[in-house]
């Protein structure tokens, strides 16, 4: 029972922060039109 209370007490602030971020409107930003490279480009052929 103690472990359940400790888990609930530990998760409560995390859930509150997630909900706060979800409720607060994030200012709109612009994304880059070019995709990000996720791998090292190979040699140019």
N, C-alpha and C. Protein backbone atom coordinates (compact mmCIF):
# COMPACT_ATOMS: atom_id res chain seq x y z
N UNK A 1 0.82 -1.20 0.00
CA UNK A 1 0.00 0.00 0.00
C UNK A 1 0.86 1.26 0.00
N UNK A 2 1.98 1.18 0.73
CA UNK A 2 2.87 2.33 0.76
C UNK A 2 3.45 2.64 -0.61
N UNK A 3 3.75 1.56 -1.35
CA UNK A 3 4.31 1.74 -2.69
C UNK A 3 3.30 2.41 -3.61
N UNK A 4 2.04 2.07 -3.47
CA UNK A 4 1.00 2.68 -4.29
C UNK A 4 0.87 4.17 -3.99
N UNK A 5 0.93 4.52 -2.72
CA UNK A 5 0.84 5.93 -2.34
C UNK A 5 2.06 6.69 -2.85
N UNK A 6 3.24 6.07 -2.75
CA UNK A 6 4.45 6.73 -3.23
C UNK A 6 4.42 6.92 -4.73
N UNK A 7 3.89 5.93 -5.45
CA UNK A 7 3.78 6.04 -6.90
C UNK A 7 2.81 7.15 -7.28
N UNK A 8 1.69 7.20 -6.60
CA UNK A 8 0.70 8.25 -6.89
C UNK A 8 1.27 9.63 -6.58
N UNK A 9 2.01 9.74 -5.48
CA UNK A 9 2.60 11.03 -5.11
C UNK A 9 3.69 11.43 -6.10
N UNK A 10 4.38 10.46 -6.67
CA UNK A 10 5.42 10.78 -7.63
C UNK A 10 4.88 11.13 -9.00
N UNK A 11 3.76 10.50 -9.38
CA UNK A 11 3.20 10.76 -10.71
C UNK A 11 2.32 12.00 -10.75
N UNK A 12 1.78 12.41 -9.62
CA UNK A 12 0.87 13.55 -9.60
C UNK A 12 1.53 14.82 -10.15
N UNK A 13 2.72 15.21 -9.71
CA UNK A 13 3.34 16.43 -10.28
C UNK A 13 3.64 16.30 -11.76
N UNK A 14 4.01 15.12 -12.18
CA UNK A 14 4.30 14.91 -13.60
C UNK A 14 3.04 15.11 -14.43
N UNK A 15 1.95 14.52 -13.98
CA UNK A 15 0.69 14.68 -14.70
C UNK A 15 0.21 16.13 -14.69
N UNK A 16 0.43 16.83 -13.59
CA UNK A 16 0.04 18.23 -13.53
C UNK A 16 0.84 19.07 -14.52
N UNK A 17 2.13 18.79 -14.64
CA UNK A 17 2.96 19.54 -15.59
C UNK A 17 2.52 19.26 -17.02
N UNK A 18 2.22 18.00 -17.32
CA UNK A 18 1.77 17.65 -18.67
C UNK A 18 0.45 18.34 -18.98
N UNK A 19 -0.47 18.32 -18.03
CA UNK A 19 -1.75 19.00 -18.26
C UNK A 19 -1.58 20.50 -18.39
N UNK A 20 -0.67 21.08 -17.61
CA UNK A 20 -0.42 22.52 -17.69
C UNK A 20 0.12 22.89 -19.06
N UNK A 21 1.04 22.08 -19.57
CA UNK A 21 1.60 22.35 -20.89
C UNK A 21 0.52 22.18 -21.96
N UNK A 22 -0.37 21.21 -21.79
CA UNK A 22 -1.43 20.98 -22.77
C UNK A 22 -2.44 22.12 -22.75
N UNK A 23 -2.70 22.68 -21.58
CA UNK A 23 -3.72 23.73 -21.47
C UNK A 23 -3.16 25.07 -21.95
N UNK A 24 -1.93 25.37 -21.60
CA UNK A 24 -1.32 26.64 -22.00
C UNK A 24 -1.11 26.59 -23.50
N UNK A 25 -1.57 27.63 -24.16
CA UNK A 25 -1.46 27.65 -25.63
C UNK A 25 -0.01 27.92 -26.01
N UNK A 26 0.55 27.00 -26.77
CA UNK A 26 1.92 27.16 -27.24
C UNK A 26 1.89 28.16 -28.39
N UNK A 27 2.78 29.15 -28.36
CA UNK A 27 2.76 30.13 -29.45
C UNK A 27 3.06 29.45 -30.79
N UNK A 28 2.34 29.83 -31.82
CA UNK A 28 2.56 29.19 -33.11
C UNK A 28 3.93 29.54 -33.67
N UNK A 29 4.59 28.54 -34.17
CA UNK A 29 5.90 28.75 -34.76
C UNK A 29 5.90 28.24 -36.18
N UNK A 30 6.93 28.57 -36.90
CA UNK A 30 7.01 28.11 -38.27
C UNK A 30 7.99 26.96 -38.34
N UNK A 31 7.67 26.01 -39.17
CA UNK A 31 8.57 24.88 -39.36
C UNK A 31 9.35 25.07 -40.64
N UNK A 32 10.46 24.42 -40.71
CA UNK A 32 11.30 24.51 -41.90
C UNK A 32 10.65 23.73 -43.03
N UNK A 33 10.67 24.28 -44.24
CA UNK A 33 10.10 23.54 -45.37
C UNK A 33 10.94 22.34 -45.77
N UNK A 34 12.23 22.36 -45.41
CA UNK A 34 13.11 21.25 -45.76
C UNK A 34 13.14 20.23 -44.62
N UNK A 35 13.09 18.95 -44.93
CA UNK A 35 13.14 17.93 -43.87
C UNK A 35 14.53 17.86 -43.26
N UNK A 36 14.57 17.47 -42.01
CA UNK A 36 15.86 17.31 -41.35
C UNK A 36 16.51 16.01 -41.81
N UNK A 37 17.81 16.06 -41.95
CA UNK A 37 18.54 14.86 -42.33
C UNK A 37 18.77 14.01 -41.09
N UNK A 38 18.42 12.75 -41.17
CA UNK A 38 18.59 11.88 -40.02
C UNK A 38 19.78 10.94 -40.19
N UNK A 39 20.35 10.91 -41.38
CA UNK A 39 21.52 10.08 -41.62
C UNK A 39 22.59 10.92 -42.30
N UNK A 40 23.78 10.41 -42.29
CA UNK A 40 24.88 11.10 -42.96
C UNK A 40 24.71 10.89 -44.46
N UNK A 41 24.73 11.97 -45.24
CA UNK A 41 24.57 11.80 -46.68
C UNK A 41 25.73 11.01 -47.28
N UNK A 42 25.41 10.21 -48.24
CA UNK A 42 26.44 9.43 -48.92
C UNK A 42 27.19 10.28 -49.94
N UNK A 43 28.14 9.67 -50.63
CA UNK A 43 28.90 10.42 -51.63
C UNK A 43 27.99 10.82 -52.80
N UNK A 44 28.28 11.99 -53.35
CA UNK A 44 27.49 12.49 -54.47
C UNK A 44 27.88 11.70 -55.72
N UNK A 45 26.88 11.19 -56.42
CA UNK A 45 27.16 10.40 -57.62
C UNK A 45 27.11 11.26 -58.87
